[in-house]
C-alpha cells in the first residue's frame, strides 16, 4: 500500500449474483487493463528478445545488475527511436571527423578502376 500497488483484475472467489457497474467503473477498468497490457507486453519483449527469462548469474547482486542492464538497453532503444535519423548520421559524421577517420579513402568520386 505504501507503493500504491493494487490488484486491478477480477476479485477472487465466487462472483456476486447481480453486480451493477457504473459507466465510470467500466471505463476505469478498461483503462487499467490497457495499462496492464502495455506493461505485460514490455516484460514479454524483454523475455523473448533480450533474454530476461534466461539470466545465468549465480549471485543475486550480479543477476540484479544483469536485469538492470537489460532494462537499460530496452529504454535506450526506445529513446533512440525518438531521435531523427538525420541527427544520428550527422552526429556520427562529426564523431568520425573528430577522430580523423577518412570516410572516402579513395576520394569522393570513389574511383575503383583506373
PDB file of N, CA and C in Angstrom:
ATOM      1  N   UNK A   1       0.809  -1.206   0.000  1.00  0.00           N
ATOM      2  CA  UNK A   1       0.000   0.000   0.000  1.00  0.00           C
ATOM      3  C   UNK A   1       0.850   1.267   0.000  1.00  0.00           C
ATOM      4  N   UNK A   2       2.053   1.175   0.578  1.00  0.00           N
ATOM      5  CA  UNK A   2       2.890   2.377   0.594  1.00  0.00           C
ATOM      6  C   UNK A   2       3.326   2.739  -0.818  1.00  0.00           C
ATOM      7  N   UNK A   3       3.520   1.726  -1.664  1.00  0.00           N
ATOM      8  CA  UNK A   3       3.976   1.958  -3.034  1.00  0.00           C
ATOM      9  C   UNK A   3       2.813   2.101  -4.013  1.00  0.00           C
ATOM     10  N   UNK A   4       1.607   2.129  -3.501  1.00  0.00           N
ATOM     11  CA  UNK A   4       0.377   2.340  -4.270  1.00  0.00           C
ATOM     12  C   UNK A   4       0.191   1.281  -5.356  1.00  0.00           C
ATOM     13  N   UNK A   5       0.545   0.035  -5.033  1.00  0.00           N
ATOM     14  CA  UNK A   5       0.320  -1.082  -5.945  1.00  0.00           C
ATOM     15  C   UNK A   5      -0.983  -1.747  -5.532  1.00  0.00           C
ATOM     16  N   UNK A   6      -1.855  -1.977  -6.483  1.00  0.00           N
ATOM     17  CA  UNK A   6      -3.121  -2.628  -6.160  1.00  0.00           C
ATOM     18  C   UNK A   6      -3.505  -3.600  -7.254  1.00  0.00           C
ATOM     19  N   UNK A   7      -4.364  -4.531  -6.899  1.00  0.00           N
ATOM     20  CA  UNK A   7      -4.811  -5.556  -7.824  1.00  0.00           C
ATOM     21  C   UNK A   7      -5.955  -4.982  -8.655  1.00  0.00           C
ATOM     22  N   UNK A   8      -5.853  -5.061  -9.985  1.00  0.00           N
ATOM     23  CA  UNK A   8      -6.877  -4.459 -10.837  1.00  0.00           C
ATOM     24  C   UNK A   8      -7.731  -5.486 -11.560  1.00  0.00           C
ATOM     25  N   UNK A   9      -7.426  -6.773 -11.393  1.00  0.00           N
ATOM     26  CA  UNK A   9      -8.191  -7.810 -12.087  1.00  0.00           C
ATOM     27  C   UNK A   9      -9.493  -8.128 -11.367  1.00  0.00           C
ATOM     28  N   UNK A  10     -10.138  -9.190 -11.822  1.00  0.00           N
ATOM     29  CA  UNK A  10     -11.370  -9.638 -11.181  1.00  0.00           C
ATOM     30  C   UNK A  10     -11.057 -10.132  -9.774  1.00  0.00           C
ATOM     31  N   UNK A  11     -11.913  -9.832  -8.793  1.00  0.00           N
ATOM     32  CA  UNK A  11     -11.658 -10.324  -7.441  1.00  0.00           C
ATOM     33  C   UNK A  11     -11.787 -11.846  -7.385  1.00  0.00           C
ATOM     34  N   UNK A  12     -10.981 -12.442  -6.517  1.00  0.00           N
ATOM     35  CA  UNK A  12     -11.005 -13.886  -6.371  1.00  0.00           C
ATOM     36  C   UNK A  12     -12.270 -14.321  -5.632  1.00  0.00           C
ATOM     37  N   UNK A  13     -12.627 -15.565  -5.829  1.00  0.00           N
ATOM     38  CA  UNK A  13     -13.786 -16.106  -5.133  1.00  0.00           C
ATOM     39  C   UNK A  13     -15.009 -16.160  -6.028  1.00  0.00           C
ATOM     40  N   UNK A  14     -16.121 -16.425  -5.378  1.00  0.00           N
ATOM     41  CA  UNK A  14     -17.383 -16.561  -6.092  1.00  0.00           C
ATOM     42  C   UNK A  14     -17.889 -15.199  -6.553  1.00  0.00           C
ATOM     43  N   UNK A  15     -18.430 -15.164  -7.761  1.00  0.00           N
ATOM     44  CA  UNK A  15     -18.949 -13.911  -8.299  1.00  0.00           C
ATOM     45  C   UNK A  15     -20.279 -13.573  -7.629  1.00  0.00           C
ATOM     46  N   UNK A  16     -20.530 -12.284  -7.428  1.00  0.00           N
ATOM     47  CA  UNK A  16     -21.834 -11.899  -6.872  1.00  0.00           C
ATOM     48  C   UNK A  16     -22.954 -12.176  -7.876  1.00  0.00           C
ATOM     49  N   UNK A  17     -24.153 -12.360  -7.360  1.00  0.00           N
ATOM     50  CA  UNK A  17     -25.289 -12.706  -8.213  1.00  0.00           C
ATOM     51  C   UNK A  17     -25.568 -11.587  -9.204  1.00  0.00           C
ATOM     52  N   UNK A  18     -25.709 -10.389  -8.728  1.00  0.00           N
ATOM     53  CA  UNK A  18     -26.019  -9.261  -9.601  1.00  0.00           C
ATOM     54  C   UNK A  18     -25.124  -8.095  -9.213  1.00  0.00           C
ATOM     55  N   UNK A  19     -24.233  -7.747 -10.100  1.00  0.00           N
ATOM     56  CA  UNK A  19     -23.334  -6.631  -9.825  1.00  0.00           C
ATOM     57  C   UNK A  19     -23.570  -5.556 -10.869  1.00  0.00           C
ATOM     58  N   UNK A  20     -23.962  -4.398 -10.405  1.00  0.00           N
ATOM     59  CA  UNK A  20     -24.217  -3.281 -11.311  1.00  0.00           C
ATOM     60  C   UNK A  20     -23.003  -2.357 -11.271  1.00  0.00           C
ATOM     61  N   UNK A  21     -22.395  -2.156 -12.440  1.00  0.00           N
ATOM     62  CA  UNK A  21     -21.238  -1.271 -12.536  1.00  0.00           C
ATOM     63  C   UNK A  21     -21.644   0.008 -13.249  1.00  0.00           C
ATOM     64  N   UNK A  22     -21.162   1.103 -12.728  1.00  0.00           N
ATOM     65  CA  UNK A  22     -21.443   2.377 -13.377  1.00  0.00           C
ATOM     66  C   UNK A  22     -20.548   2.534 -14.605  1.00  0.00           C
ATOM     67  N   UNK A  23     -20.863   3.515 -15.406  1.00  0.00           N
ATOM     68  CA  UNK A  23     -20.077   3.770 -16.603  1.00  0.00           C
ATOM     69  C   UNK A  23     -18.646   4.172 -16.228  1.00  0.00           C
ATOM     70  N   UNK A  24     -18.519   4.903 -15.132  1.00  0.00           N
ATOM     71  CA  UNK A  24     -17.191   5.312 -14.661  1.00  0.00           C
ATOM     72  C   UNK A  24     -16.359   4.090 -14.266  1.00  0.00           C
ATOM     73  N   UNK A  25     -16.957   3.133 -13.568  1.00  0.00           N
ATOM     74  CA  UNK A  25     -16.229   1.928 -13.159  1.00  0.00           C
ATOM     75  C   UNK A  25     -15.800   1.106 -14.367  1.00  0.00           C
ATOM     76  N   UNK A  26     -16.674   0.991 -15.359  1.00  0.00           N
ATOM     77  CA  UNK A  26     -16.331   0.234 -16.571  1.00  0.00           C
ATOM     78  C   UNK A  26     -15.187   0.904 -17.320  1.00  0.00           C
ATOM     79  N   UNK A  27     -15.255   2.226 -17.449  1.00  0.00           N
ATOM     80  CA  UNK A  27     -14.213   2.971 -18.148  1.00  0.00           C
ATOM     81  C   UNK A  27     -12.870   2.848 -17.411  1.00  0.00           C
ATOM     82  N   UNK A  28     -12.912   2.930 -16.080  1.00  0.00           N
ATOM     83  CA  UNK A  28     -11.702   2.818 -15.275  1.00  0.00           C
ATOM     84  C   UNK A  28     -11.091   1.429 -15.416  1.00  0.00           C
ATOM     85  N   UNK A  29     -11.928   0.405 -15.420  1.00  0.00           N
ATOM     86  CA  UNK A  29     -11.439  -0.968 -15.549  1.00  0.00           C
ATOM     87  C   UNK A  29     -10.800  -1.188 -16.921  1.00  0.00           C
ATOM     88  N   UNK A  30     -11.400  -0.652 -17.963  1.00  0.00           N
ATOM     89  CA  UNK A  30     -10.854  -0.794 -19.314  1.00  0.00           C
ATOM     90  C   UNK A  30      -9.516  -0.061 -19.446  1.00  0.00           C
ATOM     91  N   UNK A  31      -9.425   1.140 -18.875  1.00  0.00           N
ATOM     92  CA  UNK A  31      -8.179   1.902 -18.929  1.00  0.00           C
ATOM     93  C   UNK A  31      -7.059   1.179 -18.173  1.00  0.00           C
ATOM     94  N   UNK A  32      -7.380   0.634 -17.008  1.00  0.00           N
ATOM     95  CA  UNK A  32      -6.376  -0.096 -16.226  1.00  0.00           C
ATOM     96  C   UNK A  32      -5.937  -1.363 -16.945  1.00  0.00           C
ATOM     97  N   UNK A  33      -6.858  -2.018 -17.635  1.00  0.00           N
ATOM     98  CA  UNK A  33      -6.488  -3.215 -18.397  1.00  0.00           C
ATOM     99  C   UNK A  33      -5.548  -2.845 -19.538  1.00  0.00           C
ATOM    100  N   UNK A  34      -5.779  -1.701 -20.171  1.00  0.00           N
ATOM    101  CA  UNK A  34      -4.885  -1.248 -21.236  1.00  0.00           C
ATOM    102  C   UNK A  34      -3.495  -0.941 -20.723  1.00  0.00           C
ATOM    103  N   UNK A  35      -3.417  -0.311 -19.551  1.00  0.00           N
ATOM    104  CA  UNK A  35      -2.107  -0.026 -18.951  1.00  0.00           C
ATOM    105  C   UNK A  35      -1.393  -1.323 -18.590  1.00  0.00           C
ATOM    106  N   UNK A  36      -2.132  -2.274 -18.061  1.00  0.00           N
ATOM    107  CA  UNK A  36      -1.543  -3.555 -17.674  1.00  0.00           C
ATOM    108  C   UNK A  36      -1.049  -4.304 -18.904  1.00  0.00           C
ATOM    109  N   UNK A  37      -1.788  -4.237 -20.011  1.00  0.00           N
ATOM    110  CA  UNK A  37      -1.348  -4.892 -21.246  1.00  0.00           C
ATOM    111  C   UNK A  37      -0.032  -4.309 -21.738  1.00  0.00           C
ATOM    112  N   UNK A  38       0.122  -3.020 -21.625  1.00  0.00           N
ATOM    113  CA  UNK A  38       1.346  -2.363 -22.071  1.00  0.00           C
ATOM    114  C   UNK A  38       2.539  -2.833 -21.238  1.00  0.00           C
ATOM    115  N   UNK A  39       2.351  -2.928 -19.926  1.00  0.00           N
ATOM    116  CA  UNK A  39       3.433  -3.369 -19.040  1.00  0.00           C
ATOM    117  C   UNK A  39       3.764  -4.830 -19.302  1.00  0.00           C
ATOM    118  N   UNK A  40       2.736  -5.671 -19.426  1.00  0.00           N
ATOM    119  CA  UNK A  40       2.961  -7.095 -19.691  1.00  0.00           C
ATOM    120  C   UNK A  40       3.649  -7.298 -21.038  1.00  0.00           C
ATOM    121  N   UNK A  41       3.315  -6.472 -22.013  1.00  0.00           N
ATOM    122  CA  UNK A  41       3.953  -6.569 -23.321  1.00  0.00           C
ATOM    123  C   UNK A  41       5.439  -6.252 -23.254  1.00  0.00           C
ATOM    124  N   UNK A  42       5.801  -5.244 -22.456  1.00  0.00           N
ATOM    125  CA  UNK A  42       7.221  -4.904 -22.303  1.00  0.00           C
ATOM    126  C   UNK A  42       7.980  -6.034 -21.624  1.00  0.00           C
ATOM    127  N   UNK A  43       7.373  -6.655 -20.617  1.00  0.00           N
ATOM    128  CA  UNK A  43       8.035  -7.792 -19.970  1.00  0.00           C
ATOM    129  C   UNK A  43       8.188  -8.948 -20.954  1.00  0.00           C
ATOM    130  N   UNK A  44       7.174  -9.179 -21.780  1.00  0.00           N
ATOM    131  CA  UNK A  44       7.269 -10.234 -22.790  1.00  0.00           C
ATOM    132  C   UNK A  44       8.364  -9.950 -23.797  1.00  0.00           C
ATOM    133  N   UNK A  45       8.483  -8.694 -24.214  1.00  0.00           N
ATOM    134  CA  UNK A  45       9.542  -8.309 -25.151  1.00  0.00           C
ATOM    135  C   UNK A  45      10.911  -8.521 -24.515  1.00  0.00           C
ATOM    136  N   UNK A  46      11.026  -8.179 -23.251  1.00  0.00           N
ATOM    137  CA  UNK A  46      12.295  -8.384 -22.556  1.00  0.00           C
ATOM    138  C   UNK A  46      12.653  -9.850 -22.434  1.00  0.00           C
ATOM    139  N   UNK A  47      11.651 -10.685 -22.222  1.00  0.00           N
ATOM    140  CA  UNK A  47      11.913 -12.123 -22.094  1.00  0.00           C
ATOM    141  C   UNK A  47      12.273 -12.749 -23.433  1.00  0.00           C
ATOM    142  N   UNK A  48      11.520 -12.412 -24.469  1.00  0.00           N
ATOM    143  CA  UNK A  48      11.765 -13.029 -25.781  1.00  0.00           C
ATOM    144  C   UNK A  48      12.977 -12.447 -26.482  1.00  0.00           C
ATOM    145  N   UNK A  49      13.090 -11.140 -26.501  1.00  0.00           N
ATOM    146  CA  UNK A  49      14.109 -10.505 -27.325  1.00  0.00           C
ATOM    147  C   UNK A  49      15.434 -10.259 -26.634  1.00  0.00           C
ATOM    148  N   UNK A  50      15.409 -10.096 -25.312  1.00  0.00           N
ATOM    149  CA  UNK A  50      16.625  -9.686 -24.625  1.00  0.00           C
ATOM    150  C   UNK A  50      17.082 -10.680 -23.563  1.00  0.00           C
ATOM    151  N   UNK A  51      16.462 -11.833 -23.484  1.00  0.00           N
ATOM    152  CA  UNK A  51      16.914 -12.880 -22.571  1.00  0.00           C
ATOM    153  C   UNK A  51      16.642 -12.591 -21.109  1.00  0.00           C
ATOM    154  N   UNK A  52      15.562 -11.889 -20.823  1.00  0.00           N
ATOM    155  CA  UNK A  52      15.227 -11.576 -19.438  1.00  0.00           C
ATOM    156  C   UNK A  52      14.802 -12.820 -18.659  1.00  0.00           C
ATOM    157  N   UNK A  53      14.371 -13.854 -19.364  1.00  0.00           N
ATOM    158  CA  UNK A  53      13.969 -15.091 -18.687  1.00  0.00           C
ATOM    159  C   UNK A  53      15.111 -16.095 -18.606  1.00  0.00           C
ATOM    160  N   UNK A  54      16.290 -15.747 -19.072  1.00  0.00           N
ATOM    161  CA  UNK A  54      17.412 -16.686 -19.102  1.00  0.00           C
ATOM    162  C   UNK A  54      18.656 -16.035 -18.492  1.00  0.00           C
ATOM    163  N   UNK A  55      18.525 -15.611 -17.240  1.00  0.00           N
ATOM    164  CA  UNK A  55      19.643 -14.968 -16.559  1.00  0.00           C
ATOM    165  C   UNK A  55      20.440 -16.050 -15.853  1.00  0.00           C
ATOM    166  N   UNK A  56      21.713 -16.151 -16.183  1.00  0.00           N
ATOM    167  CA  UNK A  56      22.541 -17.242 -15.678  1.00  0.00           C
ATOM    168  C   UNK A  56      23.525 -16.793 -14.608  1.00  0.00           C
ATOM    169  N   UNK A  57      23.265 -15.693 -13.970  1.00  0.00           N
ATOM    170  CA  UNK A  57      24.155 -15.223 -12.913  1.00  0.00           C
ATOM    171  C   UNK A  57      23.914 -16.044 -11.647  1.00  0.00           C
ATOM    172  N   UNK A  58      24.956 -16.224 -10.866  1.00  0.00           N
ATOM    173  CA  UNK A  58      24.841 -17.034  -9.652  1.00  0.00           C
ATOM    174  C   UNK A  58      24.542 -16.183  -8.421  1.00  0.00           C
ATOM    175  N   UNK A  59      25.084 -15.009  -8.365  1.00  0.00           N
ATOM    176  CA  UNK A  59      24.854 -14.139  -7.213  1.00  0.00           C
ATOM    177  C   UNK A  59      23.658 -13.236  -7.467  1.00  0.00           C
ATOM    178  N   UNK A  60      22.951 -12.900  -6.391  1.00  0.00           N
ATOM    179  CA  UNK A  60      21.772 -12.048  -6.565  1.00  0.00           C
ATOM    180  C   UNK A  60      22.169 -10.645  -7.018  1.00  0.00           C
ATOM    181  N   UNK A  61      23.302 -10.150  -6.551  1.00  0.00           N
ATOM    182  CA  UNK A  61      23.733  -8.811  -6.982  1.00  0.00           C
ATOM    183  C   UNK A  61      24.071  -8.802  -8.471  1.00  0.00           C
ATOM    184  N   UNK A  62      24.676  -9.889  -8.946  1.00  0.00           N
ATOM    185  CA  UNK A  62      25.009  -9.977 -10.369  1.00  0.00           C
ATOM    186  C   UNK A  62      23.748 -10.079 -11.206  1.00  0.00           C
ATOM    187  N   UNK A  63      22.786 -10.880 -10.748  1.00  0.00           N
ATOM    188  CA  UNK A  63      21.548 -11.007 -11.520  1.00  0.00           C
ATOM    189  C   UNK A  63      20.768  -9.699 -11.514  1.00  0.00           C
ATOM    190  N   UNK A  64      20.809  -8.964 -10.396  1.00  0.00           N
ATOM    191  CA  UNK A  64      20.146  -7.653 -10.362  1.00  0.00           C
ATOM    192  C   UNK A  64      20.787  -6.685 -11.348  1.00  0.00           C
ATOM    193  N   UNK A  65      22.110  -6.694 -11.429  1.00  0.00           N
ATOM    194  CA  UNK A  65      22.770  -5.795 -12.383  1.00  0.00           C
ATOM    195  C   UNK A  65      22.510  -6.241 -13.816  1.00  0.00           C
ATOM    196  N   UNK A  66      22.401  -7.544 -14.044  1.00  0.00           N
ATOM    197  CA  UNK A  66      22.089  -8.069 -15.367  1.00  0.00           C
ATOM    198  C   UNK A  66      20.693  -7.607 -15.796  1.00  0.00           C
ATOM    199  N   UNK A  67      19.731  -7.740 -14.892  1.00  0.00           N
ATOM    200  CA  UNK A  67      18.356  -7.301 -15.184  1.00  0.00           C
ATOM    201  C   UNK A  67      18.337  -5.798 -15.444  1.00  0.00           C
ATOM    202  N   UNK A  68      19.065  -5.039 -14.623  1.00  0.00           N
ATOM    203  CA  UNK A  68      19.139  -3.589 -14.821  1.00  0.00           C
ATOM    204  C   UNK A  68      19.735  -3.218 -16.161  1.00  0.00           C
ATOM    205  N   UNK A  69      20.758  -3.953 -16.581  1.00  0.00           N
ATOM    206  CA  UNK A  69      21.380  -3.674 -17.881  1.00  0.00           C
ATOM    207  C   UNK A  69      20.417  -3.961 -19.025  1.00  0.00           C
ATOM    208  N   UNK A  70      19.652  -5.044 -18.910  1.00  0.00           N
ATOM    209  CA  UNK A  70      18.679  -5.380 -19.959  1.00  0.00           C
ATOM    210  C   UNK A  70      17.613  -4.302 -20.055  1.00  0.00           C
ATOM    211  N   UNK A  71      17.100  -3.863 -18.914  1.00  0.00           N
ATOM    212  CA  UNK A  71      16.066  -2.821 -18.918  1.00  0.00           C
ATOM    213  C   UNK A  71      16.645  -1.501 -19.433  1.00  0.00           C
ATOM    214  N   UNK A  72      17.906  -1.212 -19.100  1.00  0.00           N
ATOM    215  CA  UNK A  72      18.567  -0.008 -19.614  1.00  0.00           C
ATOM    216  C   UNK A  72      18.656  -0.043 -21.136  1.00  0.00           C
ATOM    217  N   UNK A  73      19.027  -1.187 -21.693  1.00  0.00           N
ATOM    218  CA  UNK A  73      19.131  -1.316 -23.156  1.00  0.00           C
ATOM    219  C   UNK A  73      17.759  -1.156 -23.798  1.00  0.00           C
ATOM    220  N   UNK A  74      16.722  -1.736 -23.183  1.00  0.00           N
ATOM    221  CA  UNK A  74      15.372  -1.592 -23.732  1.00  0.00           C
ATOM    222  C   UNK A  74      14.946  -0.127 -23.742  1.00  0.00           C
ATOM    223  N   UNK A  75      15.247   0.605 -22.671  1.00  0.00           N
ATOM    224  CA  UNK A  75      14.918   2.032 -22.618  1.00  0.00           C
ATOM    225  C   UNK A  75      15.737   2.829 -23.627  1.00  0.00           C
ATOM    226  N   UNK A  76      17.002   2.474 -23.770  1.00  0.00           N
ATOM    227  CA  UNK A  76      17.873   3.165 -24.720  1.00  0.00           C
ATOM    228  C   UNK A  76      17.355   3.005 -26.146  1.00  0.00           C
ATOM    229  N   UNK A  77      16.944   1.800 -26.495  1.00  0.00           N
ATOM    230  CA  UNK A  77      16.414   1.554 -27.837  1.00  0.00           C
ATOM    231  C   UNK A  77      15.117   2.324 -28.049  1.00  0.00           C
ATOM    232  N   UNK A  78      14.269   2.377 -27.018  1.00  0.00           N
ATOM    233  CA  UNK A  78      13.014   3.110 -27.146  1.00  0.00           C
ATOM    234  C   UNK A  78      13.272   4.599 -27.361  1.00  0.00           C
ATOM    235  N   UNK A  79      14.239   5.160 -26.638  1.00  0.00           N
ATOM    236  CA  UNK A  79      14.536   6.588 -26.792  1.00  0.00           C
ATOM    237  C   UNK A  79      15.267   6.877 -28.095  1.00  0.00           C
ATOM    238  N   UNK A  80      16.020   5.935 -28.616  1.00  0.00           N
ATOM    239  CA  UNK A  80      16.705   6.137 -29.895  1.00  0.00           C
ATOM    240  C   UNK A  80      15.712   6.243 -31.050  1.00  0.00           C
ATOM    241  N   UNK A  81      14.542   5.627 -30.899  1.00  0.00           N
ATOM    242  CA  UNK A  81      13.524   5.736 -31.951  1.00  0.00           C
ATOM    243  C   UNK A  81      12.988   7.155 -32.069  1.00  0.00           C
ATOM    244  N   UNK A  82      13.029   7.901 -30.969  1.00  0.00           N
ATOM    245  CA  UNK A  82      12.501   9.267 -30.976  1.00  0.00           C
ATOM    246  C   UNK A  82      13.453  10.261 -31.637  1.00  0.00           C
ATOM    247  N   UNK A  83      14.738   9.923 -31.687  1.00  0.00           N
ATOM    248  CA  UNK A  83      15.731  10.818 -32.287  1.00  0.00           C
ATOM    249  C   UNK A  83      15.707  10.637 -33.801  1.00  0.00           C
ATOM    250  N   UNK A  84      15.621  11.724 -34.569  1.00  0.00           N
ATOM    251  CA  UNK A  84      15.607  11.590 -36.031  1.00  0.00           C
ATOM    252  C   UNK A  84      16.905  10.982 -36.559  1.00  0.00           C
ATOM    253  N   UNK A  85      16.784  10.244 -37.644  1.00  0.00           N
ATOM    254  CA  UNK A  85      17.930   9.559 -38.239  1.00  0.00           C
ATOM    255  C   UNK A  85      18.978  10.551 -38.735  1.00  0.00           C
ATOM    256  N   UNK A  86      18.535  11.678 -39.277  1.00  0.00           N
ATOM    257  CA  UNK A  86      19.491  12.666 -39.795  1.00  0.00           C
ATOM    258  C   UNK A  86      20.387  13.197 -38.677  1.00  0.00           C
ATOM    259  N   UNK A  87      19.830  13.364 -37.495  1.00  0.00           N
ATOM    260  CA  UNK A  87      20.631  13.823 -36.361  1.00  0.00           C
ATOM    261  C   UNK A  87      21.677  12.779 -35.986  1.00  0.00           C
ATOM    262  N   UNK A  88      21.278  11.499 -35.979  1.00  0.00           N
ATOM    263  CA  UNK A  88      22.221  10.420 -35.653  1.00  0.00           C
ATOM    264  C   UNK A  88      23.351  10.357 -36.678  1.00  0.00           C
ATOM    265  N   UNK A  89      23.025  10.510 -37.958  1.00  0.00           N
ATOM    266  CA  UNK A  89      24.045  10.445 -39.006  1.00  0.00           C
ATOM    267  C   UNK A  89      24.999  11.626 -38.884  1.00  0.00           C
ATOM    268  N   UNK A  90      24.464  12.823 -38.665  1.00  0.00           N
ATOM    269  CA  UNK A  90      25.344  13.991 -38.538  1.00  0.00           C
ATOM    270  C   UNK A  90      26.226  13.876 -37.299  1.00  0.00           C
ATOM    271  N   UNK A  91      25.695  13.332 -36.223  1.00  0.00           N
ATOM    272  CA  UNK A  91      26.491  13.124 -35.019  1.00  0.00           C
ATOM    273  C   UNK A  91      27.601  12.113 -35.271  1.00  0.00           C
ATOM    274  N   UNK A  92      27.289  11.055 -35.997  1.00  0.00           N
ATOM    275  CA  UNK A  92      28.295  10.043 -36.327  1.00  0.00           C
ATOM    276  C   UNK A  92      29.387  10.628 -37.219  1.00  0.00           C
ATOM    277  N   UNK A  93      28.999  11.439 -38.197  1.00  0.00           N
ATOM    278  CA  UNK A  93      29.991  12.058 -39.081  1.00  0.00           C
ATOM    279  C   UNK A  93      30.899  13.019 -38.314  1.00  0.00           C
ATOM    280  N   UNK A  94      30.320  13.786 -37.381  1.00  0.00           N
ATOM    281  CA  UNK A  94      31.133  14.688 -36.569  1.00  0.00           C
ATOM    282  C   UNK A  94      32.102  13.899 -35.698  1.00  0.00           C
ATOM    283  N   UNK A  95      31.634  12.794 -35.156  1.00  0.00           N
ATOM    284  CA  UNK A  95      32.497  11.951 -34.335  1.00  0.00           C
ATOM    285  C   UNK A  95      33.647  11.394 -35.147  1.00  0.00           C
ATOM    286  N   UNK A  96      33.349  10.976 -36.376  1.00  0.00           N
ATOM    287  CA  UNK A  96      34.395  10.428 -37.234  1.00  0.00           C
ATOM    288  C   UNK A  96      35.388  11.519 -37.625  1.00  0.00           C
ATOM    289  N   UNK A  97      34.906  12.748 -37.797  1.00  0.00           N
ATOM    290  CA  UNK A  97      35.787  13.852 -38.155  1.00  0.00           C
ATOM    291  C   UNK A  97      36.706  14.194 -36.987  1.00  0.00           C
ATOM    292  N   UNK A  98      36.173  14.142 -35.768  1.00  0.00           N
ATOM    293  CA  UNK A  98      36.977  14.426 -34.583  1.00  0.00           C
ATOM    294  C   UNK A  98      38.069  13.379 -34.421  1.00  0.00           C
ATOM    295  N   UNK A  99      37.750  12.146 -34.693  1.00  0.00           N
ATOM    296  CA  UNK A  99      38.730  11.064 -34.565  1.00  0.00           C
ATOM    297  C   UNK A  99      39.608  10.933 -35.805  1.00  0.00           C
ATOM    298  N   UNK A 100      39.405  11.803 -36.786  1.00  0.00           N
ATOM    299  CA  UNK A 100      40.203  11.850 -38.008  1.00  0.00           C
ATOM    300  C   UNK A 100      40.102  10.540 -38.797  1.00  0.00           C
ATOM    301  N   UNK A 101      38.899  10.056 -38.934  1.00  0.00           N
ATOM    302  CA  UNK A 101      38.658   8.861 -39.740  1.00  0.00           C
ATOM    303  C   UNK A 101      38.260   9.317 -41.128  1.00  0.00           C
ATOM    304  N   UNK A 102      38.950   8.835 -42.143  1.00  0.00           N
ATOM    305  CA  UNK A 102      38.679   9.221 -43.516  1.00  0.00           C
ATOM    306  C   UNK A 102      37.514   8.390 -44.039  1.00  0.00           C
ATOM    307  N   UNK A 103      36.430   9.051 -44.373  1.00  0.00           N
ATOM    308  CA  UNK A 103      35.242   8.353 -44.863  1.00  0.00           C
ATOM    309  C   UNK A 103      35.447   7.898 -46.299  1.00  0.00           C
ATOM    310  N   UNK A 104      36.107   8.740 -47.100  1.00  0.00           N
ATOM    311  CA  UNK A 104      36.346   8.424 -48.503  1.00  0.00           C
ATOM    312  C   UNK A 104      37.829   8.101 -48.693  1.00  0.00           C
ATOM    313  N   UNK A 105      38.244   6.864 -48.535  1.00  0.00           N
ATOM    314  CA  UNK A 105      39.677   6.566 -48.656  1.00  0.00           C
ATOM    315  C   UNK A 105      40.195   6.755 -50.073  1.00  0.00           C
ATOM    316  N   UNK A 106      39.339   6.630 -51.077  1.00  0.00           N
ATOM    317  CA  UNK A 106      39.779   6.771 -52.468  1.00  0.00           C
ATOM    318  C   UNK A 106      39.358   8.107 -53.057  1.00  0.00           C
ATOM    319  N   UNK A 107      38.831   8.982 -52.252  1.00  0.00           N
ATOM    320  CA  UNK A 107      38.363  10.267 -52.739  1.00  0.00           C
ATOM    321  C   UNK A 107      36.847  10.253 -52.857  1.00  0.00           C
ATOM    322  N   UNK A 108      36.247  11.419 -52.967  1.00  0.00           N
ATOM    323  CA  UNK A 108      34.791  11.485 -53.026  1.00  0.00           C
ATOM    324  C   UNK A 108      34.200  10.874 -54.296  1.00  0.00           C
ATOM    325  N   UNK A 109      34.993  10.744 -55.376  1.00  0.00           N
ATOM    326  CA  UNK A 109      34.454  10.170 -56.611  1.00  0.00           C
ATOM    327  C   UNK A 109      34.432   8.651 -56.547  1.00  0.00           C
ATOM    328  N   UNK A 110      35.165   8.050 -55.613  1.00  0.00           N
ATOM    329  CA  UNK A 110      35.217   6.598 -55.436  1.00  0.00           C
ATOM    330  C   UNK A 110      35.686   5.905 -56.712  1.00  0.00           C
ATOM    331  N   UNK A 111      36.855   6.298 -57.229  1.00  0.00           N
ATOM    332  CA  UNK A 111      37.411   5.680 -58.432  1.00  0.00           C
ATOM    333  C   UNK A 111      38.054   4.353 -58.054  1.00  0.00           C
ATOM    334  N   UNK A 112      37.415   3.277 -58.406  1.00  0.00           N
ATOM    335  CA  UNK A 112      37.945   1.961 -58.093  1.00  0.00           C
ATOM    336  C   UNK A 112      38.811   1.420 -59.224  1.00  0.00           C
ATOM    337  N   UNK A 113      38.478   1.740 -60.470  1.00  0.00           N
ATOM    338  CA  UNK A 113      39.239   1.248 -61.630  1.00  0.00           C
ATOM    339  C   UNK A 113      39.907   2.438 -62.320  1.00  0.00           C
ATOM    340  N   UNK A 114      41.128   2.242 -62.790  1.00  0.00           N
ATOM    341  CA  UNK A 114      41.858   3.330 -63.449  1.00  0.00           C
ATOM    342  C   UNK A 114      41.563   3.397 -64.923  1.00  0.00           C
TER     343      UNK A 114
END
